[in-house]
Amino acid sequence: MKVQQESLSFREIRYRDKRKKILQYAARIFARKGYEKSSLEEIASHLKLSKASLYHYVKSKDEVLYLIQMEALEEMLTLVREVVKLDRNPSDKLRKIIIEYIRLATQKHVIGALRQQELILPRKWRLEIIAARDEFDDECRRIIEAGIKSGEFKADNWKMSYMAMIGSLNWIVKWYSPQGELSVDEISTSMVDFILRGFGVTIPD
């Protein structure tokens, strides 16, 4: 259970703010150089911290990777939980998830988190990451199953269509570049079209 910001002391708020800055910068470094080639010394130097001071906020590079992955996944979980509660039809919910997922996935700190392989992390942290992904997966499936039940989605094999959807969304962090030819809005439009057609939804020209 998360502690509300207003109940924290000034010292605790300052600690959280500093750690958030560390994680955001680390995510950018990981995105640019890759996890293996990045170092805590480089992160500390950029933020004008000694390595000893950095260890006050994070204990290891593995922990940094774990924390920034969980932060990104929690953002995505918050998104899907909110969408599931909306009073909208399944295709509108799925469209919103796709658009918001892409908006989140193209932010630098999210790219830095999700582009890295969590397989190098200790088992306990890997399992937490997998559990968060599974929860996101389950919420999306609930929307799709509702669309199949209502007849709004007409995929012959909706599970294959879902696998194509989640695979294409997850792959965005591998190829997206802010310097690329397509804007985030253009990518979102194309992905919505591709994914909804896969569920038998007619997209107006």
C-alpha atoms as a PDB file:
ATOM      1  CA  MET A   1       0.000   0.000   0.000  1.00  0.00           C
ATOM      2  CA  LYS A   2       1.427   3.361  -1.047  1.00  0.00           C
ATOM      3  CA  VAL A   3       1.915   6.092   1.539  1.00  0.00           C
ATOM      4  CA  GLN A   4       0.236   9.373   0.653  1.00  0.00           C
ATOM      5  CA  GLN A   5       2.658  12.207  -0.143  1.00  0.00           C
ATOM      6  CA  GLU A   6       1.107  14.527   2.439  1.00  0.00           C
ATOM      7  CA  SER A   7       1.753  12.058   5.297  1.00  0.00           C
ATOM      8  CA  LEU A   8       5.490  11.953   4.598  1.00  0.00           C
ATOM      9  CA  SER A   9       8.039  14.088   6.398  1.00  0.00           C
ATOM     10  CA  PHE A  10      10.083  16.665   4.484  1.00  0.00           C
ATOM     11  CA  ARG A  11      13.097  14.372   4.775  1.00  0.00           C
ATOM     12  CA  GLU A  12      11.193  11.438   3.303  1.00  0.00           C
ATOM     13  CA  ILE A  13       9.834  13.573   0.462  1.00  0.00           C
ATOM     14  CA  ARG A  14      13.333  14.823  -0.343  1.00  0.00           C
ATOM     15  CA  TYR A  15      14.649  11.252  -0.270  1.00  0.00           C
ATOM     16  CA  ARG A  16      11.962  10.067  -2.711  1.00  0.00           C
ATOM     17  CA  ASP A  17      12.488  13.023  -5.034  1.00  0.00           C
ATOM     18  CA  LYS A  18      16.226  12.426  -5.158  1.00  0.00           C
ATOM     19  CA  ARG A  19      15.807   8.715  -5.797  1.00  0.00           C
ATOM     20  CA  LYS A  20      13.313   9.454  -8.566  1.00  0.00           C
ATOM     21  CA  LYS A  21      15.864  11.712 -10.264  1.00  0.00           C
ATOM     22  CA  ILE A  22      18.468   8.967  -9.966  1.00  0.00           C
ATOM     23  CA  LEU A  23      16.146   6.415 -11.553  1.00  0.00           C
ATOM     24  CA  GLN A  24      15.070   8.726 -14.370  1.00  0.00           C
ATOM     25  CA  TYR A  25      18.641   9.558 -15.295  1.00  0.00           C
ATOM     26  CA  ALA A  26      19.706   5.911 -14.991  1.00  0.00           C
ATOM     27  CA  ALA A  27      16.887   4.892 -17.342  1.00  0.00           C
ATOM     28  CA  ARG A  28      18.119   7.371 -19.946  1.00  0.00           C
ATOM     29  CA  ILE A  29      21.672   6.079 -19.601  1.00  0.00           C
ATOM     30  CA  PHE A  30      20.472   2.487 -19.934  1.00  0.00           C
ATOM     31  CA  ALA A  31      18.471   3.418 -23.046  1.00  0.00           C
ATOM     32  CA  ARG A  32      21.453   5.146 -24.660  1.00  0.00           C
ATOM     33  CA  LYS A  33      24.316   2.866 -23.687  1.00  0.00           C
ATOM     34  CA  GLY A  34      22.678  -0.355 -22.557  1.00  0.00           C
ATOM     35  CA  TYR A  35      22.642  -1.769 -19.047  1.00  0.00           C
ATOM     36  CA  GLU A  36      25.956  -3.613 -19.266  1.00  0.00           C
ATOM     37  CA  LYS A  37      27.928  -0.553 -20.412  1.00  0.00           C
ATOM     38  CA  SER A  38      26.412   1.809 -17.850  1.00  0.00           C
ATOM     39  CA  SER A  39      27.847   2.382 -14.383  1.00  0.00           C
ATOM     40  CA  LEU A  40      26.726   3.750 -11.048  1.00  0.00           C
ATOM     41  CA  GLU A  41      29.784   6.010 -11.080  1.00  0.00           C
ATOM     42  CA  GLU A  42      28.532   7.702 -14.246  1.00  0.00           C
ATOM     43  CA  ILE A  43      25.075   8.189 -12.755  1.00  0.00           C
ATOM     44  CA  ALA A  44      26.516   9.596  -9.524  1.00  0.00           C
ATOM     45  CA  SER A  45      28.849  11.949 -11.403  1.00  0.00           C
ATOM     46  CA  HIS A  46      26.052  13.422 -13.514  1.00  0.00           C
ATOM     47  CA  LEU A  47      23.938  14.075 -10.432  1.00  0.00           C
ATOM     48  CA  LYS A  48      26.920  15.482  -8.518  1.00  0.00           C
ATOM     49  CA  LEU A  49      26.810  12.740  -5.909  1.00  0.00           C
ATOM     50  CA  SER A  50      29.622  10.664  -4.487  1.00  0.00           C
ATOM     51  CA  LYS A  51      29.263   6.944  -5.014  1.00  0.00           C
ATOM     52  CA  ALA A  52      28.793   6.573  -1.255  1.00  0.00           C
ATOM     53  CA  SER A  53      25.941   9.109  -1.356  1.00  0.00           C
ATOM     54  CA  LEU A  54      24.360   7.255  -4.279  1.00  0.00           C
ATOM     55  CA  TYR A  55      24.334   4.051  -2.194  1.00  0.00           C
ATOM     56  CA  HIS A  56      22.119   5.863   0.298  1.00  0.00           C
ATOM     57  CA  TYR A  57      19.363   5.763  -2.348  1.00  0.00           C
ATOM     58  CA  VAL A  58      20.096   2.543  -4.268  1.00  0.00           C
ATOM     59  CA  LYS A  59      22.161  -0.470  -3.281  1.00  0.00           C
ATOM     60  CA  SER A  60      23.255  -1.778  -6.676  1.00  0.00           C
ATOM     61  CA  LYS A  61      22.894  -1.411 -10.427  1.00  0.00           C
ATOM     62  CA  ASP A  62      20.583  -4.437 -10.384  1.00  0.00           C
ATOM     63  CA  GLU A  63      18.306  -2.639  -7.941  1.00  0.00           C
ATOM     64  CA  VAL A  64      18.255   0.424 -10.201  1.00  0.00           C
ATOM     65  CA  LEU A  65      17.128  -1.719 -13.148  1.00  0.00           C
ATOM     66  CA  TYR A  66      14.480  -3.408 -11.017  1.00  0.00           C
ATOM     67  CA  LEU A  67      13.118  -0.112  -9.670  1.00  0.00           C
ATOM     68  CA  ILE A  68      12.873   1.633 -13.022  1.00  0.00           C
ATOM     69  CA  GLN A  69      11.205  -1.408 -14.595  1.00  0.00           C
ATOM     70  CA  MET A  70       8.653  -1.550 -11.778  1.00  0.00           C
ATOM     71  CA  GLU A  71       8.025   2.192 -12.009  1.00  0.00           C
ATOM     72  CA  ALA A  72       7.255   1.871 -15.730  1.00  0.00           C
ATOM     73  CA  LEU A  73       5.061  -1.183 -15.199  1.00  0.00           C
ATOM     74  CA  GLU A  74       3.139   0.526 -12.398  1.00  0.00           C
ATOM     75  CA  GLU A  75       2.356   3.408 -14.742  1.00  0.00           C
ATOM     76  CA  MET A  76       0.989   0.933 -17.271  1.00  0.00           C
ATOM     77  CA  LEU A  77      -1.034  -0.901 -14.615  1.00  0.00           C
ATOM     78  CA  THR A  78      -2.552   2.356 -13.389  1.00  0.00           C
ATOM     79  CA  LEU A  79      -3.536   3.094 -16.985  1.00  0.00           C
ATOM     80  CA  VAL A  80      -5.272  -0.232 -17.642  1.00  0.00           C
ATOM     81  CA  ARG A  81      -7.061  -0.255 -14.259  1.00  0.00           C
ATOM     82  CA  GLU A  82      -8.546   3.162 -14.996  1.00  0.00           C
ATOM     83  CA  VAL A  83      -9.604   2.179 -18.516  1.00  0.00           C
ATOM     84  CA  VAL A  84     -11.314  -1.024 -17.363  1.00  0.00           C
ATOM     85  CA  LYS A  85     -13.594   1.039 -15.085  1.00  0.00           C
ATOM     86  CA  LEU A  86     -14.722   3.399 -17.858  1.00  0.00           C
ATOM     87  CA  ASP A  87     -18.308   3.232 -19.098  1.00  0.00           C
ATOM     88  CA  ARG A  88     -17.304   2.596 -22.709  1.00  0.00           C
ATOM     89  CA  ASN A  89     -17.565  -0.238 -25.190  1.00  0.00           C
ATOM     90  CA  PRO A  90     -14.658  -2.699 -25.513  1.00  0.00           C
ATOM     91  CA  SER A  91     -13.232  -1.246 -28.738  1.00  0.00           C
ATOM     92  CA  ASP A  92     -13.099   2.252 -27.222  1.00  0.00           C
ATOM     93  CA  LYS A  93     -11.382   0.860 -24.124  1.00  0.00           C
ATOM     94  CA  LEU A  94      -8.876  -1.055 -26.213  1.00  0.00           C
ATOM     95  CA  ARG A  95      -8.223   2.007 -28.372  1.00  0.00           C
ATOM     96  CA  LYS A  96      -7.508   4.094 -25.276  1.00  0.00           C
ATOM     97  CA  ILE A  97      -5.152   1.461 -23.866  1.00  0.00           C
ATOM     98  CA  ILE A  98      -3.217   1.307 -27.140  1.00  0.00           C
ATOM     99  CA  ILE A  99      -2.886   5.092 -27.413  1.00  0.00           C
ATOM    100  CA  GLU A 100      -1.911   5.596 -23.772  1.00  0.00           C
ATOM    101  CA  TYR A 101       0.442   2.604 -23.788  1.00  0.00           C
ATOM    102  CA  ILE A 102       2.275   4.072 -26.770  1.00  0.00           C
ATOM    103  CA  ARG A 103       2.406   7.494 -25.116  1.00  0.00           C
ATOM    104  CA  LEU A 104       4.013   5.912 -22.058  1.00  0.00           C
ATOM    105  CA  ALA A 105       6.262   3.526 -23.986  1.00  0.00           C
ATOM    106  CA  THR A 106       7.801   6.343 -26.014  1.00  0.00           C
ATOM    107  CA  GLN A 107       8.902   8.323 -22.958  1.00  0.00           C
ATOM    108  CA  LYS A 108      12.643   8.135 -22.381  1.00  0.00           C
ATOM    109  CA  HIS A 109      12.530   6.728 -18.868  1.00  0.00           C
ATOM    110  CA  VAL A 110      10.109   3.984 -19.923  1.00  0.00           C
ATOM    111  CA  ILE A 111      12.253   3.057 -22.913  1.00  0.00           C
ATOM    112  CA  GLY A 112      15.243   2.863 -20.614  1.00  0.00           C
ATOM    113  CA  ALA A 113      13.360   0.578 -18.257  1.00  0.00           C
ATOM    114  CA  LEU A 114      11.636  -1.796 -20.627  1.00  0.00           C
ATOM    115  CA  ARG A 115      14.333  -2.105 -23.281  1.00  0.00           C
ATOM    116  CA  GLN A 116      16.591  -3.924 -20.829  1.00  0.00           C
ATOM    117  CA  GLN A 117      16.407  -7.641 -20.109  1.00  0.00           C
ATOM    118  CA  GLU A 118      15.148  -8.452 -16.620  1.00  0.00           C
ATOM    119  CA  LEU A 119      16.557 -11.996 -16.857  1.00  0.00           C
ATOM    120  CA  ILE A 120      19.786 -10.758 -15.282  1.00  0.00           C
ATOM    121  CA  LEU A 121      17.959  -9.749 -12.095  1.00  0.00           C
ATOM    122  CA  PRO A 122      17.656 -11.918  -8.970  1.00  0.00           C
ATOM    123  CA  ARG A 123      14.728 -14.334  -9.061  1.00  0.00           C
ATOM    124  CA  LYS A 124      12.646 -12.434  -6.475  1.00  0.00           C
ATOM    125  CA  TRP A 125      12.688  -9.248  -8.559  1.00  0.00           C
ATOM    126  CA  ARG A 126      12.090 -11.124 -11.806  1.00  0.00           C
ATOM    127  CA  LEU A 127       8.976 -12.694 -10.321  1.00  0.00           C
ATOM    128  CA  GLU A 128       7.620  -9.297  -9.228  1.00  0.00           C
ATOM    129  CA  ILE A 129       8.120  -7.915 -12.729  1.00  0.00           C
ATOM    130  CA  ILE A 130       6.441 -10.953 -14.289  1.00  0.00           C
ATOM    131  CA  ALA A 131       3.506 -10.640 -11.859  1.00  0.00           C
ATOM    132  CA  ALA A 132       2.985  -6.983 -12.816  1.00  0.00           C
ATOM    133  CA  ARG A 133       3.056  -7.876 -16.521  1.00  0.00           C
ATOM    134  CA  ASP A 134       0.612 -10.715 -15.924  1.00  0.00           C
ATOM    135  CA  GLU A 135      -1.808  -8.352 -14.196  1.00  0.00           C
ATOM    136  CA  PHE A 136      -1.656  -5.949 -17.158  1.00  0.00           C
ATOM    137  CA  ASP A 137      -2.214  -8.920 -19.458  1.00  0.00           C
ATOM    138  CA  ASP A 138      -5.230 -10.144 -17.465  1.00  0.00           C
ATOM    139  CA  GLU A 139      -6.924  -6.726 -17.490  1.00  0.00           C
ATOM    140  CA  CYS A 140      -6.509  -6.432 -21.260  1.00  0.00           C
ATOM    141  CA  ARG A 141      -7.903  -9.917 -21.768  1.00  0.00           C
ATOM    142  CA  ARG A 142     -10.978  -9.005 -19.734  1.00  0.00           C
ATOM    143  CA  ILE A 143     -11.731  -6.196 -22.174  1.00  0.00           C
ATOM    144  CA  ILE A 144     -11.206  -8.438 -25.195  1.00  0.00           C
ATOM    145  CA  GLU A 145     -13.329 -11.252 -23.774  1.00  0.00           C
ATOM    146  CA  ALA A 146     -16.134  -8.727 -23.135  1.00  0.00           C
ATOM    147  CA  GLY A 147     -15.866  -7.618 -26.769  1.00  0.00           C
ATOM    148  CA  ILE A 148     -16.027 -11.213 -28.018  1.00  0.00           C
ATOM    149  CA  LYS A 149     -19.023 -11.942 -25.787  1.00  0.00           C
ATOM    150  CA  SER A 150     -20.923  -8.862 -27.003  1.00  0.00           C
ATOM    151  CA  GLY A 151     -20.103  -9.610 -30.647  1.00  0.00           C
ATOM    152  CA  GLU A 152     -18.166  -6.372 -31.075  1.00  0.00           C
ATOM    153  CA  PHE A 153     -14.942  -8.330 -31.660  1.00  0.00           C
ATOM    154  CA  LYS A 154     -15.105 -11.086 -34.260  1.00  0.00           C
ATOM    155  CA  ALA A 155     -11.616 -12.595 -34.325  1.00  0.00           C
ATOM    156  CA  ASP A 156     -11.680 -16.323 -35.233  1.00  0.00           C
ATOM    157  CA  ASN A 157      -8.805 -16.881 -32.840  1.00  0.00           C
ATOM    158  CA  TRP A 158      -8.800 -13.905 -30.507  1.00  0.00           C
ATOM    159  CA  LYS A 159      -5.925 -15.266 -28.441  1.00  0.00           C
ATOM    160  CA  MET A 160      -3.648 -15.106 -31.489  1.00  0.00           C
ATOM    161  CA  SER A 161      -4.899 -11.589 -32.196  1.00  0.00           C
ATOM    162  CA  TYR A 162      -4.118 -10.645 -28.608  1.00  0.00           C
ATOM    163  CA  MET A 163      -0.619 -12.106 -28.833  1.00  0.00           C
ATOM    164  CA  ALA A 164      -0.030 -10.044 -31.992  1.00  0.00           C
ATOM    165  CA  MET A 165      -1.288  -6.951 -30.164  1.00  0.00           C
ATOM    166  CA  ILE A 166       0.831  -7.328 -27.055  1.00  0.00           C
ATOM    167  CA  GLY A 167       3.884  -8.346 -29.060  1.00  0.00           C
ATOM    168  CA  SER A 168       3.676  -5.302 -31.317  1.00  0.00           C
ATOM    169  CA  LEU A 169       3.141  -2.943 -28.365  1.00  0.00           C
ATOM    170  CA  ASN A 170       6.000  -4.411 -26.354  1.00  0.00           C
ATOM    171  CA  TRP A 171       8.327  -4.164 -29.341  1.00  0.00           C
ATOM    172  CA  ILE A 172       7.890  -0.388 -29.631  1.00  0.00           C
ATOM    173  CA  VAL A 173      10.556   0.266 -27.003  1.00  0.00           C
ATOM    174  CA  LYS A 174      13.014  -1.732 -29.137  1.00  0.00           C
ATOM    175  CA  TRP A 175      12.705   0.375 -32.287  1.00  0.00           C
ATOM    176  CA  TYR A 176      11.188   3.736 -31.359  1.00  0.00           C
ATOM    177  CA  SER A 177      13.381   6.824 -31.631  1.00  0.00           C
ATOM    178  CA  PRO A 178      12.301  10.440 -30.971  1.00  0.00           C
ATOM    179  CA  GLN A 179      14.316  11.307 -34.082  1.00  0.00           C
ATOM    180  CA  GLY A 180      12.363   8.841 -36.255  1.00  0.00           C
ATOM    181  CA  GLU A 181      10.136   9.753 -39.206  1.00  0.00           C
ATOM    182  CA  LEU A 182       6.826   9.030 -37.454  1.00  0.00           C
ATOM    183  CA  SER A 183       5.401  11.047 -34.587  1.00  0.00           C
ATOM    184  CA  VAL A 184       3.890   9.365 -31.536  1.00  0.00           C
ATOM    185  CA  ASP A 185       0.404  10.288 -32.809  1.00  0.00           C
ATOM    186  CA  GLU A 186       1.114   8.734 -36.219  1.00  0.00           C
ATOM    187  CA  ILE A 187       2.410   5.553 -34.610  1.00  0.00           C
ATOM    188  CA  SER A 188      -0.677   5.405 -32.387  1.00  0.00           C
ATOM    189  CA  THR A 189      -3.051   5.819 -35.338  1.00  0.00           C
ATOM    190  CA  SER A 190      -1.355   3.032 -37.295  1.00  0.00           C
ATOM    191  CA  MET A 191      -1.234   0.692 -34.314  1.00  0.00           C
ATOM    192  CA  VAL A 192      -4.894   1.267 -33.410  1.00  0.00           C
ATOM    193  CA  ASP A 193      -5.860   0.485 -37.011  1.00  0.00           C
ATOM    194  CA  PHE A 194      -3.707  -2.668 -37.141  1.00  0.00           C
ATOM    195  CA  ILE A 195      -4.792  -4.043 -33.763  1.00  0.00           C
ATOM    196  CA  LEU A 196      -8.523  -3.334 -33.976  1.00  0.00           C
ATOM    197  CA  ARG A 197      -8.726  -4.807 -37.484  1.00  0.00           C
ATOM    198  CA  GLY A 198      -7.161  -7.932 -35.993  1.00  0.00           C
ATOM    199  CA  PHE A 199     -10.205  -8.198 -33.743  1.00  0.00           C
ATOM    200  CA  GLY A 200     -12.621  -7.737 -36.637  1.00  0.00           C
ATOM    201  CA  VAL A 201     -13.446  -4.095 -35.891  1.00  0.00           C
ATOM    202  CA  THR A 202     -14.203  -2.009 -38.985  1.00  0.00           C
ATOM    203  CA  ILE A 203     -12.094   1.153 -39.058  1.00  0.00           C
ATOM    204  CA  PRO A 204     -13.656   4.108 -40.960  1.00  0.00           C
ATOM    205  CA  ASP A 205     -11.517   5.424 -43.841  1.00  0.00           C
END
